[in-house]
Amino acid sequence: MKYVLLLMGNLADDRCGETEEGPGPEEFMAFDAELEKAGVLAGGFGLTDPEEGTSLSKASRDAEPVITAGPYAESREFVGGTIVLDVDSLDEALAWAEKCPGAIGGRVEIRAMLEF
């Protein structure tokens, strides 16, 4: 079964991002290497900072889209990246999530992938 680890950051937490208190890129690369060595890494990606994002919404199917760029003051939490695991159970995905550097100063949300 494939599970996605959504690496959730929080702009209000000083440990989030590249700071002395939070995990750095080398910790994420080491974690990815551990996942790959265990044969459970099925994919993933990192994302740019939230202020570089653009959002599109529509009030209805026929409505004109509303496009918004830049930081979103109403939302302090953001998705910083994903890791896709191919494991046998939620318990195994949780065990890997516990080791994820993204849990420090952030949150790791575990979601099962739908198979189409």
N, C-alpha and C. Protein backbone atom coordinates (compact mmCIF):
# COMPACT_ATOMS: atom_id res chain seq x y z
N MET A 1 0.85 -1.18 0.00
CA MET A 1 0.00 0.00 0.00
C MET A 1 0.89 1.24 0.00
N LYS A 2 0.46 2.25 -0.70
CA LYS A 2 1.23 3.49 -0.73
C LYS A 2 0.61 4.52 0.21
N TYR A 3 1.48 5.15 0.97
CA TYR A 3 1.08 6.22 1.88
C TYR A 3 1.90 7.46 1.54
N VAL A 4 1.27 8.62 1.68
CA VAL A 4 1.96 9.88 1.46
C VAL A 4 2.19 10.54 2.81
N LEU A 5 3.43 10.94 3.05
CA LEU A 5 3.73 11.76 4.21
C LEU A 5 3.70 13.21 3.73
N LEU A 6 2.72 13.97 4.20
CA LEU A 6 2.63 15.40 3.88
C LEU A 6 3.43 16.14 4.94
N LEU A 7 4.49 16.80 4.54
CA LEU A 7 5.35 17.51 5.47
C LEU A 7 4.80 18.92 5.66
N MET A 8 4.14 19.12 6.79
CA MET A 8 3.44 20.36 7.07
C MET A 8 4.32 21.28 7.91
N GLY A 9 4.55 22.49 7.42
CA GLY A 9 5.30 23.49 8.17
C GLY A 9 4.36 24.49 8.79
N ASN A 10 4.87 25.23 9.77
CA ASN A 10 4.07 26.25 10.42
C ASN A 10 4.94 27.50 10.56
N LEU A 11 4.52 28.57 9.92
CA LEU A 11 5.29 29.81 9.92
C LEU A 11 5.44 30.41 11.32
N ALA A 12 4.58 30.02 12.25
CA ALA A 12 4.63 30.55 13.60
C ALA A 12 5.65 29.82 14.47
N ASP A 13 6.23 28.72 13.99
CA ASP A 13 7.17 27.92 14.78
C ASP A 13 8.60 28.25 14.37
N ASP A 14 9.42 28.65 15.33
CA ASP A 14 10.81 29.03 15.05
C ASP A 14 11.65 27.87 14.54
N ARG A 15 11.21 26.64 14.76
CA ARG A 15 11.98 25.47 14.30
C ARG A 15 11.66 25.12 12.85
N CYS A 16 10.71 25.81 12.26
CA CYS A 16 10.29 25.52 10.89
C CYS A 16 11.20 26.24 9.90
N GLY A 17 11.62 25.52 8.89
CA GLY A 17 12.49 26.09 7.88
C GLY A 17 13.95 25.91 8.24
N GLU A 18 14.80 26.53 7.49
CA GLU A 18 16.24 26.39 7.70
C GLU A 18 16.70 27.34 8.80
N THR A 19 16.58 26.89 10.05
CA THR A 19 17.01 27.65 11.21
C THR A 19 17.90 26.76 12.07
N GLU A 20 18.55 27.36 13.05
CA GLU A 20 19.39 26.57 13.96
C GLU A 20 18.56 25.57 14.75
N GLU A 21 17.33 25.92 15.05
CA GLU A 21 16.47 25.06 15.86
C GLU A 21 15.85 23.92 15.07
N GLY A 22 15.68 24.11 13.78
CA GLY A 22 14.99 23.12 12.95
C GLY A 22 15.94 22.26 12.15
N PRO A 23 15.41 21.19 11.55
CA PRO A 23 16.24 20.30 10.74
C PRO A 23 16.67 20.98 9.44
N GLY A 24 17.87 20.66 9.00
CA GLY A 24 18.39 21.22 7.75
C GLY A 24 18.26 20.24 6.61
N PRO A 25 18.61 20.67 5.40
CA PRO A 25 18.51 19.81 4.22
C PRO A 25 19.27 18.49 4.36
N GLU A 26 20.42 18.53 5.04
CA GLU A 26 21.20 17.30 5.19
C GLU A 26 20.45 16.23 5.97
N GLU A 27 19.62 16.65 6.93
CA GLU A 27 18.82 15.68 7.70
C GLU A 27 17.74 15.05 6.82
N PHE A 28 17.14 15.84 5.95
CA PHE A 28 16.13 15.30 5.04
C PHE A 28 16.77 14.37 4.01
N MET A 29 17.96 14.73 3.53
CA MET A 29 18.65 13.86 2.56
C MET A 29 19.05 12.54 3.21
N ALA A 30 19.48 12.58 4.47
CA ALA A 30 19.83 11.34 5.18
C ALA A 30 18.60 10.48 5.39
N PHE A 31 17.46 11.11 5.70
CA PHE A 31 16.21 10.36 5.89
C PHE A 31 15.79 9.72 4.57
N ASP A 32 15.86 10.46 3.47
CA ASP A 32 15.54 9.90 2.15
C ASP A 32 16.44 8.71 1.83
N ALA A 33 17.73 8.82 2.17
CA ALA A 33 18.67 7.72 1.92
C ALA A 33 18.29 6.49 2.74
N GLU A 34 17.86 6.71 3.98
CA GLU A 34 17.42 5.60 4.84
C GLU A 34 16.19 4.92 4.26
N LEU A 35 15.24 5.71 3.77
CA LEU A 35 14.03 5.16 3.15
C LEU A 35 14.39 4.36 1.90
N GLU A 36 15.29 4.90 1.09
CA GLU A 36 15.70 4.23 -0.14
C GLU A 36 16.41 2.91 0.18
N LYS A 37 17.28 2.93 1.16
CA LYS A 37 18.01 1.72 1.56
C LYS A 37 17.04 0.63 2.05
N ALA A 38 15.97 1.05 2.73
CA ALA A 38 14.97 0.10 3.23
C ALA A 38 14.03 -0.38 2.13
N GLY A 39 14.09 0.25 0.96
CA GLY A 39 13.24 -0.16 -0.16
C GLY A 39 11.80 0.29 -0.07
N VAL A 40 11.55 1.35 0.71
CA VAL A 40 10.17 1.82 0.88
C VAL A 40 9.89 3.17 0.23
N LEU A 41 10.92 3.83 -0.28
CA LEU A 41 10.74 5.14 -0.90
C LEU A 41 10.17 4.98 -2.30
N ALA A 42 8.96 5.53 -2.53
CA ALA A 42 8.31 5.40 -3.82
C ALA A 42 8.21 6.74 -4.55
N GLY A 43 8.68 7.82 -3.94
CA GLY A 43 8.64 9.12 -4.59
C GLY A 43 8.54 10.23 -3.58
N GLY A 44 8.37 11.43 -4.09
CA GLY A 44 8.23 12.59 -3.22
C GLY A 44 8.83 13.81 -3.86
N PHE A 45 8.60 14.95 -3.22
CA PHE A 45 9.13 16.21 -3.73
C PHE A 45 9.05 17.27 -2.66
N GLY A 46 9.89 18.29 -2.79
CA GLY A 46 9.82 19.46 -1.94
C GLY A 46 9.16 20.60 -2.69
N LEU A 47 8.67 21.58 -1.96
CA LEU A 47 8.00 22.73 -2.57
C LEU A 47 8.71 24.02 -2.18
N THR A 48 8.53 25.05 -2.99
CA THR A 48 9.08 26.36 -2.66
C THR A 48 8.33 26.93 -1.46
N ASP A 49 8.85 28.02 -0.92
CA ASP A 49 8.22 28.65 0.24
C ASP A 49 6.82 29.14 -0.11
N PRO A 50 5.92 29.19 0.89
CA PRO A 50 4.52 29.56 0.64
C PRO A 50 4.36 30.92 -0.04
N GLU A 51 5.22 31.88 0.26
CA GLU A 51 5.06 33.20 -0.34
C GLU A 51 5.32 33.20 -1.84
N GLU A 52 5.86 32.11 -2.35
CA GLU A 52 6.08 31.99 -3.79
C GLU A 52 4.90 31.31 -4.49
N GLY A 53 3.88 30.95 -3.74
CA GLY A 53 2.75 30.22 -4.30
C GLY A 53 1.72 31.11 -4.96
N THR A 54 0.90 30.51 -5.78
CA THR A 54 -0.23 31.17 -6.44
C THR A 54 -1.44 30.28 -6.24
N SER A 55 -2.58 30.88 -6.01
CA SER A 55 -3.81 30.13 -5.75
C SER A 55 -4.88 30.52 -6.76
N LEU A 56 -5.66 29.54 -7.18
CA LEU A 56 -6.78 29.78 -8.09
C LEU A 56 -8.03 29.19 -7.46
N SER A 57 -9.11 29.95 -7.45
CA SER A 57 -10.39 29.44 -6.93
C SER A 57 -11.52 29.89 -7.84
N LYS A 58 -12.64 29.16 -7.78
CA LYS A 58 -13.84 29.49 -8.56
C LYS A 58 -15.05 29.32 -7.66
N ALA A 59 -15.95 30.28 -7.71
CA ALA A 59 -17.17 30.22 -6.90
C ALA A 59 -18.15 29.18 -7.43
N SER A 60 -18.09 28.92 -8.73
CA SER A 60 -18.96 27.92 -9.35
C SER A 60 -18.31 27.44 -10.64
N ARG A 61 -18.90 26.44 -11.25
CA ARG A 61 -18.35 25.86 -12.48
C ARG A 61 -18.18 26.91 -13.58
N ASP A 62 -19.14 27.83 -13.71
CA ASP A 62 -19.10 28.82 -14.78
C ASP A 62 -18.47 30.16 -14.38
N ALA A 63 -18.08 30.29 -13.13
CA ALA A 63 -17.52 31.56 -12.65
C ALA A 63 -16.11 31.78 -13.19
N GLU A 64 -15.75 33.04 -13.26
CA GLU A 64 -14.38 33.40 -13.64
C GLU A 64 -13.45 33.01 -12.48
N PRO A 65 -12.26 32.55 -12.81
CA PRO A 65 -11.33 32.19 -11.74
C PRO A 65 -10.78 33.43 -11.03
N VAL A 66 -10.52 33.27 -9.75
CA VAL A 66 -9.87 34.31 -8.95
C VAL A 66 -8.46 33.80 -8.67
N ILE A 67 -7.46 34.55 -9.13
CA ILE A 67 -6.07 34.14 -8.95
C ILE A 67 -5.42 35.07 -7.94
N THR A 68 -4.80 34.48 -6.94
CA THR A 68 -4.15 35.23 -5.88
C THR A 68 -2.70 34.79 -5.78
N ALA A 69 -1.79 35.74 -5.70
CA ALA A 69 -0.37 35.42 -5.56
C ALA A 69 0.15 35.95 -4.23
N GLY A 70 1.21 35.32 -3.75
CA GLY A 70 1.89 35.81 -2.56
C GLY A 70 1.48 35.11 -1.28
N PRO A 71 1.95 35.64 -0.15
CA PRO A 71 1.70 34.99 1.14
C PRO A 71 0.23 35.09 1.54
N TYR A 72 -0.19 34.16 2.32
CA TYR A 72 -1.59 34.08 2.76
C TYR A 72 -1.62 34.24 4.26
N ALA A 73 -1.90 35.45 4.73
CA ALA A 73 -1.85 35.77 6.15
C ALA A 73 -2.79 34.91 6.97
N GLU A 74 -3.90 34.48 6.38
CA GLU A 74 -4.87 33.69 7.14
C GLU A 74 -4.40 32.26 7.39
N SER A 75 -3.36 31.82 6.73
CA SER A 75 -2.90 30.45 6.87
C SER A 75 -1.44 30.43 7.31
N ARG A 76 -1.19 29.92 8.51
CA ARG A 76 0.18 29.83 9.01
C ARG A 76 0.80 28.47 8.66
N GLU A 77 -0.05 27.47 8.41
CA GLU A 77 0.44 26.13 8.10
C GLU A 77 0.49 25.94 6.58
N PHE A 78 1.48 25.20 6.12
CA PHE A 78 1.64 24.99 4.69
C PHE A 78 2.25 23.62 4.43
N VAL A 79 2.09 23.12 3.20
CA VAL A 79 2.72 21.87 2.79
C VAL A 79 4.10 22.22 2.25
N GLY A 80 5.14 21.65 2.87
CA GLY A 80 6.51 21.92 2.45
C GLY A 80 7.03 20.88 1.48
N GLY A 81 6.38 19.72 1.46
CA GLY A 81 6.81 18.66 0.56
C GLY A 81 6.08 17.37 0.87
N THR A 82 6.40 16.34 0.12
CA THR A 82 5.78 15.03 0.32
C THR A 82 6.82 13.94 0.21
N ILE A 83 6.52 12.83 0.84
CA ILE A 83 7.30 11.60 0.68
C ILE A 83 6.29 10.49 0.46
N VAL A 84 6.47 9.72 -0.60
CA VAL A 84 5.57 8.60 -0.88
C VAL A 84 6.27 7.32 -0.44
N LEU A 85 5.58 6.56 0.42
CA LEU A 85 6.11 5.30 0.93
C LEU A 85 5.32 4.14 0.36
N ASP A 86 5.99 3.04 0.09
CA ASP A 86 5.33 1.79 -0.30
C ASP A 86 5.58 0.81 0.83
N VAL A 87 4.61 0.72 1.75
CA VAL A 87 4.74 -0.11 2.95
C VAL A 87 3.49 -0.98 3.10
N ASP A 88 3.54 -1.91 4.04
CA ASP A 88 2.45 -2.86 4.21
C ASP A 88 1.28 -2.35 5.04
N SER A 89 1.51 -1.33 5.88
CA SER A 89 0.44 -0.93 6.80
C SER A 89 0.60 0.52 7.25
N LEU A 90 -0.47 1.04 7.83
CA LEU A 90 -0.42 2.37 8.42
C LEU A 90 0.59 2.40 9.56
N ASP A 91 0.65 1.33 10.34
CA ASP A 91 1.62 1.29 11.44
C ASP A 91 3.05 1.45 10.94
N GLU A 92 3.37 0.83 9.81
CA GLU A 92 4.71 0.96 9.24
C GLU A 92 4.94 2.40 8.75
N ALA A 93 3.92 2.99 8.13
CA ALA A 93 4.03 4.38 7.68
C ALA A 93 4.23 5.31 8.88
N LEU A 94 3.52 5.06 9.97
CA LEU A 94 3.66 5.86 11.18
C LEU A 94 5.06 5.74 11.77
N ALA A 95 5.62 4.53 11.74
CA ALA A 95 6.98 4.33 12.26
C ALA A 95 7.99 5.15 11.47
N TRP A 96 7.81 5.21 10.14
CA TRP A 96 8.71 6.04 9.33
C TRP A 96 8.45 7.52 9.59
N ALA A 97 7.19 7.91 9.72
CA ALA A 97 6.85 9.32 9.97
C ALA A 97 7.47 9.81 11.27
N GLU A 98 7.55 8.93 12.26
CA GLU A 98 8.15 9.30 13.54
C GLU A 98 9.63 9.67 13.38
N LYS A 99 10.29 9.06 12.42
CA LYS A 99 11.71 9.34 12.17
C LYS A 99 11.93 10.55 11.26
N CYS A 100 10.88 11.06 10.66
CA CYS A 100 10.99 12.13 9.67
C CYS A 100 11.41 13.45 10.33
N PRO A 101 12.45 14.10 9.80
CA PRO A 101 12.86 15.39 10.35
C PRO A 101 11.77 16.46 10.26
N GLY A 102 10.82 16.30 9.34
CA GLY A 102 9.74 17.27 9.19
C GLY A 102 8.80 17.34 10.37
N ALA A 103 8.85 16.35 11.27
CA ALA A 103 8.00 16.36 12.45
C ALA A 103 8.50 17.38 13.48
N ILE A 104 9.78 17.77 13.37
CA ILE A 104 10.37 18.73 14.31
C ILE A 104 10.00 20.14 13.86
N GLY A 105 9.20 20.82 14.64
CA GLY A 105 8.78 22.17 14.29
C GLY A 105 7.68 22.21 13.25
N GLY A 106 7.21 21.07 12.85
CA GLY A 106 6.13 20.97 11.86
C GLY A 106 5.21 19.84 12.22
N ARG A 107 4.65 19.21 11.23
CA ARG A 107 3.73 18.10 11.44
C ARG A 107 3.82 17.22 10.21
N VAL A 108 3.75 15.91 10.43
CA VAL A 108 3.73 14.97 9.31
C VAL A 108 2.34 14.35 9.27
N GLU A 109 1.62 14.62 8.21
CA GLU A 109 0.28 14.03 8.03
C GLU A 109 0.43 12.81 7.13
N ILE A 110 -0.14 11.68 7.57
CA ILE A 110 -0.02 10.43 6.83
C ILE A 110 -1.36 10.14 6.17
N ARG A 111 -1.35 9.96 4.84
CA ARG A 111 -2.57 9.69 4.09
C ARG A 111 -2.35 8.53 3.15
N ALA A 112 -3.30 7.62 3.09
CA ALA A 112 -3.24 6.51 2.13
C ALA A 112 -3.53 7.06 0.74
N MET A 113 -2.82 6.54 -0.25
CA MET A 113 -3.06 6.95 -1.64
C MET A 113 -4.20 6.12 -2.21
N LEU A 114 -5.05 6.74 -2.97
CA LEU A 114 -6.11 6.02 -3.67
C LEU A 114 -5.53 5.40 -4.93
N GLU A 115 -5.90 4.18 -5.19
CA GLU A 115 -5.44 3.49 -6.39
C GLU A 115 -6.53 3.60 -7.45
N PHE A 116 -6.19 4.07 -8.63
CA PHE A 116 -7.16 4.18 -9.73
C PHE A 116 -6.80 3.19 -10.80
